């Protein structure tokens, strides 16, 4: 399985970014997908998950600001980041489970300047 995330960048506080992740090598239509992030010096943490039927869950830090979505035809999962703050600066990773093990993409850097 391969997960390729893209869409990160540098943005000012209050701005928005849209991340996307292309998944190959798995049956995407039945896969639970997730976005994690890891800030410098901190542990990787879940940001949002999305079930095959599109039902999302969010971490408290993401609730009301971020929106996760998926396109089962294009095999992509996206994360719309709104109202960004410097505390959102991190590498964002796409994640799924394959063969009972977590699978990770390479990550995309999001930097929010104050």
N, C-alpha and C. Protein backbone atom coordinates (compact mmCIF):
# COMPACT_ATOMS: atom_id res chain seq x y z
N UNK A 1 0.85 -1.17 0.00
CA UNK A 1 0.00 0.00 0.00
C UNK A 1 0.89 1.24 0.00
N UNK A 2 0.47 2.24 -0.76
CA UNK A 2 1.20 3.52 -0.80
C UNK A 2 0.23 4.66 -0.54
N UNK A 3 0.68 5.56 0.31
CA UNK A 3 -0.11 6.74 0.64
C UNK A 3 0.75 7.96 0.34
N UNK A 4 0.27 8.79 -0.55
CA UNK A 4 1.03 9.97 -0.97
C UNK A 4 0.26 11.22 -0.59
N UNK A 5 0.79 11.94 0.40
CA UNK A 5 0.13 13.16 0.86
C UNK A 5 0.76 14.37 0.20
N UNK A 6 -0.07 15.36 -0.07
CA UNK A 6 0.43 16.60 -0.65
C UNK A 6 -0.51 17.73 -0.28
N UNK A 7 -0.05 18.95 -0.52
CA UNK A 7 -0.88 20.12 -0.25
C UNK A 7 -0.42 20.98 0.89
N UNK A 8 0.63 20.57 1.60
CA UNK A 8 1.12 21.38 2.70
C UNK A 8 1.79 22.64 2.21
N UNK A 9 2.20 23.48 3.15
CA UNK A 9 2.88 24.70 2.79
C UNK A 9 2.95 25.66 3.94
N UNK A 10 3.31 26.89 3.62
CA UNK A 10 3.41 27.96 4.61
C UNK A 10 2.20 28.88 4.49
N UNK A 11 1.57 29.15 5.61
CA UNK A 11 0.38 29.98 5.61
C UNK A 11 0.38 30.85 6.85
N UNK A 12 -0.23 32.02 6.75
CA UNK A 12 -0.34 32.89 7.91
C UNK A 12 -1.46 32.42 8.84
N UNK A 13 -1.34 32.79 10.10
CA UNK A 13 -2.38 32.46 11.07
C UNK A 13 -3.72 32.98 10.57
N UNK A 14 -4.73 32.14 10.72
CA UNK A 14 -6.07 32.48 10.23
C UNK A 14 -6.35 31.97 8.83
N UNK A 15 -5.31 31.51 8.17
CA UNK A 15 -5.46 31.05 6.80
C UNK A 15 -5.93 29.60 6.71
N UNK A 16 -5.96 29.10 5.48
CA UNK A 16 -6.46 27.76 5.20
C UNK A 16 -5.51 27.01 4.26
N UNK A 17 -5.57 25.72 4.37
CA UNK A 17 -4.85 24.83 3.45
C UNK A 17 -5.72 23.60 3.24
N UNK A 18 -5.51 22.97 2.11
CA UNK A 18 -6.20 21.71 1.85
C UNK A 18 -5.16 20.64 1.55
N UNK A 19 -5.18 19.61 2.37
CA UNK A 19 -4.29 18.47 2.18
C UNK A 19 -5.05 17.36 1.49
N UNK A 20 -4.34 16.61 0.68
CA UNK A 20 -4.93 15.44 0.04
C UNK A 20 -3.96 14.27 0.13
N UNK A 21 -4.53 13.08 0.04
CA UNK A 21 -3.73 11.86 0.12
C UNK A 21 -4.27 10.88 -0.89
N UNK A 22 -3.41 10.44 -1.77
CA UNK A 22 -3.78 9.44 -2.77
C UNK A 22 -3.36 8.07 -2.27
N UNK A 23 -4.28 7.13 -2.26
CA UNK A 23 -4.00 5.79 -1.75
C UNK A 23 -4.04 4.78 -2.88
N UNK A 24 -3.03 3.93 -2.92
CA UNK A 24 -2.99 2.84 -3.90
C UNK A 24 -2.59 1.55 -3.20
N UNK A 25 -2.93 0.44 -3.83
CA UNK A 25 -2.51 -0.85 -3.28
C UNK A 25 -3.43 -1.43 -2.24
N UNK A 26 -4.60 -0.85 -2.08
CA UNK A 26 -5.57 -1.40 -1.13
C UNK A 26 -6.97 -1.16 -1.66
N UNK A 27 -7.92 -1.87 -1.05
CA UNK A 27 -9.31 -1.67 -1.43
C UNK A 27 -9.82 -0.42 -0.71
N UNK A 28 -9.65 0.70 -1.36
CA UNK A 28 -9.89 1.98 -0.71
C UNK A 28 -11.33 2.12 -0.24
N UNK A 29 -12.25 1.54 -0.96
CA UNK A 29 -13.68 1.72 -0.64
C UNK A 29 -14.05 1.17 0.73
N UNK A 30 -13.28 0.22 1.25
CA UNK A 30 -13.61 -0.37 2.54
C UNK A 30 -12.60 0.01 3.62
N UNK A 31 -11.71 0.94 3.30
CA UNK A 31 -10.63 1.29 4.22
C UNK A 31 -11.02 2.46 5.11
N UNK A 32 -10.78 2.30 6.41
CA UNK A 32 -10.82 3.45 7.30
C UNK A 32 -9.57 4.28 7.05
N UNK A 33 -9.74 5.57 6.93
CA UNK A 33 -8.60 6.45 6.67
C UNK A 33 -8.47 7.47 7.79
N UNK A 34 -7.28 8.00 7.95
CA UNK A 34 -7.07 8.95 9.03
C UNK A 34 -5.97 9.93 8.67
N UNK A 35 -6.01 11.07 9.31
CA UNK A 35 -4.93 12.05 9.26
C UNK A 35 -4.35 12.18 10.66
N UNK A 36 -3.04 12.13 10.73
CA UNK A 36 -2.30 12.37 11.96
C UNK A 36 -1.38 13.57 11.72
N UNK A 37 -0.85 14.07 12.81
CA UNK A 37 0.17 15.11 12.69
C UNK A 37 1.20 14.94 13.79
N UNK A 38 2.38 15.43 13.50
CA UNK A 38 3.45 15.39 14.50
C UNK A 38 4.18 16.73 14.48
N UNK A 39 4.08 17.43 15.59
CA UNK A 39 4.78 18.70 15.74
C UNK A 39 6.18 18.44 16.29
N UNK A 40 7.11 19.35 16.09
CA UNK A 40 8.47 19.16 16.59
C UNK A 40 8.48 18.90 18.10
N UNK A 41 9.14 17.83 18.49
CA UNK A 41 9.28 17.51 19.89
C UNK A 41 8.05 16.90 20.53
N UNK A 42 7.04 16.60 19.73
CA UNK A 42 5.81 16.03 20.27
C UNK A 42 5.50 14.69 19.62
N UNK A 43 4.62 13.95 20.27
CA UNK A 43 4.21 12.66 19.72
C UNK A 43 3.22 12.85 18.58
N UNK A 44 3.21 11.88 17.71
CA UNK A 44 2.23 11.90 16.63
C UNK A 44 0.83 11.74 17.22
N UNK A 45 -0.10 12.52 16.72
CA UNK A 45 -1.46 12.49 17.25
C UNK A 45 -2.47 12.44 16.11
N UNK A 46 -3.59 11.81 16.38
CA UNK A 46 -4.63 11.73 15.38
C UNK A 46 -5.33 13.08 15.27
N UNK A 47 -5.66 13.46 14.07
CA UNK A 47 -6.37 14.72 13.81
C UNK A 47 -7.81 14.44 13.42
N UNK A 48 -7.99 13.50 12.50
CA UNK A 48 -9.32 13.17 12.02
C UNK A 48 -9.31 11.78 11.41
N UNK A 49 -10.45 11.12 11.47
CA UNK A 49 -10.62 9.83 10.83
C UNK A 49 -11.87 9.88 9.96
N UNK A 50 -11.93 8.97 9.02
CA UNK A 50 -13.13 8.88 8.18
C UNK A 50 -13.36 7.44 7.79
N UNK A 51 -14.58 7.00 8.01
CA UNK A 51 -14.96 5.63 7.71
C UNK A 51 -15.26 5.47 6.22
N UNK A 52 -15.37 4.24 5.75
CA UNK A 52 -15.71 4.04 4.33
C UNK A 52 -17.01 4.72 3.92
N UNK A 53 -17.96 4.83 4.86
CA UNK A 53 -19.23 5.47 4.52
C UNK A 53 -19.16 6.99 4.61
N UNK A 54 -17.98 7.52 4.94
CA UNK A 54 -17.80 8.96 5.01
C UNK A 54 -18.00 9.57 6.38
N UNK A 55 -18.34 8.78 7.37
CA UNK A 55 -18.56 9.31 8.71
C UNK A 55 -17.23 9.74 9.32
N UNK A 56 -17.13 11.00 9.75
CA UNK A 56 -15.86 11.51 10.28
C UNK A 56 -15.83 11.54 11.81
N UNK A 57 -14.64 11.55 12.34
CA UNK A 57 -14.42 11.89 13.74
C UNK A 57 -13.26 12.87 13.78
N UNK A 58 -13.23 13.71 14.80
CA UNK A 58 -12.20 14.74 14.92
C UNK A 58 -11.61 14.78 16.31
N UNK A 59 -10.33 15.09 16.37
CA UNK A 59 -9.72 15.42 17.65
C UNK A 59 -10.31 16.75 18.11
N UNK A 60 -10.26 16.96 19.41
CA UNK A 60 -10.82 18.19 19.97
C UNK A 60 -10.18 19.43 19.35
N UNK A 61 -8.89 19.34 19.05
CA UNK A 61 -8.17 20.48 18.48
C UNK A 61 -8.60 20.79 17.06
N UNK A 62 -9.21 19.81 16.39
CA UNK A 62 -9.61 19.96 15.00
C UNK A 62 -11.10 20.26 14.84
N UNK A 63 -11.87 19.92 15.84
CA UNK A 63 -13.32 20.07 15.77
C UNK A 63 -13.71 21.52 15.46
N UNK A 64 -14.55 21.68 14.44
CA UNK A 64 -15.03 23.01 14.08
C UNK A 64 -14.11 23.79 13.16
N UNK A 65 -12.89 23.30 12.95
CA UNK A 65 -11.94 24.02 12.08
C UNK A 65 -11.52 23.19 10.88
N UNK A 66 -11.39 21.89 11.06
CA UNK A 66 -10.91 21.01 10.00
C UNK A 66 -12.07 20.16 9.49
N UNK A 67 -11.98 19.81 8.22
CA UNK A 67 -13.00 18.96 7.61
C UNK A 67 -12.31 17.85 6.82
N UNK A 68 -12.63 16.62 7.18
CA UNK A 68 -12.07 15.47 6.47
C UNK A 68 -13.11 14.95 5.49
N UNK A 69 -12.65 14.54 4.32
CA UNK A 69 -13.56 14.01 3.30
C UNK A 69 -12.83 12.96 2.49
N UNK A 70 -13.58 12.21 1.72
CA UNK A 70 -12.96 11.19 0.88
C UNK A 70 -13.68 11.09 -0.44
N UNK A 71 -12.94 10.64 -1.44
CA UNK A 71 -13.49 10.39 -2.76
C UNK A 71 -13.11 8.96 -3.12
N UNK A 72 -14.08 8.07 -3.02
CA UNK A 72 -13.79 6.65 -3.25
C UNK A 72 -13.50 6.34 -4.71
N UNK A 73 -13.92 7.20 -5.60
CA UNK A 73 -13.62 6.99 -7.03
C UNK A 73 -12.17 7.37 -7.31
N UNK A 74 -11.76 8.52 -6.80
CA UNK A 74 -10.37 8.99 -7.00
C UNK A 74 -9.41 8.39 -5.99
N UNK A 75 -9.93 7.64 -5.01
CA UNK A 75 -9.09 6.99 -4.00
C UNK A 75 -8.27 8.03 -3.22
N UNK A 76 -8.92 9.10 -2.87
CA UNK A 76 -8.22 10.13 -2.12
C UNK A 76 -8.99 10.48 -0.85
N UNK A 77 -8.24 10.89 0.14
CA UNK A 77 -8.81 11.43 1.37
C UNK A 77 -8.22 12.82 1.55
N UNK A 78 -9.04 13.77 1.92
CA UNK A 78 -8.61 15.15 2.03
C UNK A 78 -8.86 15.70 3.42
N UNK A 79 -8.11 16.72 3.75
CA UNK A 79 -8.28 17.40 5.03
C UNK A 79 -8.23 18.90 4.78
N UNK A 80 -9.34 19.56 4.96
CA UNK A 80 -9.42 21.00 4.82
C UNK A 80 -9.08 21.62 6.17
N UNK A 81 -8.05 22.44 6.18
CA UNK A 81 -7.58 23.08 7.41
C UNK A 81 -7.98 24.54 7.37
N UNK A 82 -8.80 24.96 8.30
CA UNK A 82 -9.26 26.34 8.37
C UNK A 82 -8.86 26.98 9.70
N UNK A 83 -8.84 28.30 9.72
CA UNK A 83 -8.55 29.04 10.95
C UNK A 83 -7.27 28.53 11.61
N UNK A 84 -6.25 28.38 10.80
CA UNK A 84 -5.01 27.80 11.29
C UNK A 84 -4.31 28.72 12.28
N UNK A 85 -3.65 28.10 13.24
CA UNK A 85 -2.85 28.82 14.24
C UNK A 85 -1.44 28.23 14.22
N UNK A 86 -0.48 28.95 14.80
CA UNK A 86 0.89 28.40 14.84
C UNK A 86 0.96 27.04 15.53
N UNK A 87 0.01 26.75 16.41
CA UNK A 87 -0.01 25.45 17.08
C UNK A 87 -0.36 24.30 16.14
N UNK A 88 -0.83 24.62 14.96
CA UNK A 88 -1.14 23.60 13.96
C UNK A 88 0.09 23.23 13.12
N UNK A 89 1.19 23.91 13.34
CA UNK A 89 2.41 23.61 12.61
C UNK A 89 2.87 22.19 12.93
N UNK A 90 3.02 21.38 11.89
CA UNK A 90 3.38 19.97 12.08
C UNK A 90 3.55 19.32 10.71
N UNK A 91 4.06 18.11 10.75
CA UNK A 91 4.01 17.27 9.56
C UNK A 91 2.70 16.48 9.65
N UNK A 92 1.93 16.53 8.60
CA UNK A 92 0.65 15.83 8.56
C UNK A 92 0.79 14.55 7.74
N UNK A 93 0.31 13.46 8.33
CA UNK A 93 0.44 12.15 7.72
C UNK A 93 -0.93 11.53 7.43
N UNK A 94 -0.99 10.88 6.30
CA UNK A 94 -2.14 10.07 5.95
C UNK A 94 -1.91 8.66 6.51
N UNK A 95 -2.97 8.03 6.95
CA UNK A 95 -2.83 6.73 7.62
C UNK A 95 -4.01 5.83 7.28
N UNK A 96 -3.70 4.54 7.21
CA UNK A 96 -4.74 3.54 7.14
C UNK A 96 -4.21 2.28 7.80
N UNK A 97 -5.02 1.26 7.83
CA UNK A 97 -4.59 -0.04 8.35
C UNK A 97 -4.64 -1.04 7.21
N UNK A 98 -3.57 -1.80 7.09
CA UNK A 98 -3.49 -2.78 6.00
C UNK A 98 -2.84 -4.04 6.53
N UNK A 99 -3.54 -5.14 6.40
CA UNK A 99 -3.01 -6.41 6.91
C UNK A 99 -2.82 -6.39 8.41
N UNK A 100 -3.66 -5.63 9.10
CA UNK A 100 -3.57 -5.57 10.54
C UNK A 100 -2.48 -4.64 11.05
N UNK A 101 -1.83 -3.93 10.17
CA UNK A 101 -0.75 -3.03 10.58
C UNK A 101 -1.01 -1.62 10.04
N UNK A 102 -0.55 -0.62 10.78
CA UNK A 102 -0.73 0.74 10.27
C UNK A 102 0.17 1.00 9.07
N UNK A 103 -0.36 1.75 8.13
CA UNK A 103 0.40 2.16 6.96
C UNK A 103 0.44 3.68 6.93
N UNK A 104 1.61 4.22 6.65
CA UNK A 104 1.82 5.66 6.70
C UNK A 104 2.34 6.19 5.36
N UNK A 105 1.87 7.37 5.04
CA UNK A 105 2.47 8.09 3.93
C UNK A 105 3.68 8.86 4.42
N UNK A 106 4.35 9.54 3.52
CA UNK A 106 5.58 10.25 3.86
C UNK A 106 5.31 11.53 4.63
N UNK A 107 4.14 12.08 4.55
CA UNK A 107 3.80 13.29 5.28
C UNK A 107 4.01 14.54 4.47
N UNK A 108 3.30 15.57 4.86
CA UNK A 108 3.42 16.87 4.21
C UNK A 108 3.50 17.94 5.29
N UNK A 109 4.43 18.87 5.13
CA UNK A 109 4.69 19.88 6.16
C UNK A 109 3.67 21.01 6.06
N UNK A 110 3.10 21.36 7.21
CA UNK A 110 2.25 22.54 7.34
C UNK A 110 2.92 23.48 8.33
N UNK A 111 3.18 24.69 7.90
CA UNK A 111 3.79 25.69 8.76
C UNK A 111 2.89 26.91 8.80
N UNK A 112 2.52 27.30 10.02
CA UNK A 112 1.64 28.46 10.21
C UNK A 112 2.42 29.55 10.91
N UNK A 113 2.53 30.68 10.27
CA UNK A 113 3.27 31.81 10.85
C UNK A 113 2.31 32.73 11.60
N UNK A 114 2.84 33.35 12.64
CA UNK A 114 2.00 34.24 13.46
C UNK A 114 2.01 35.67 12.92
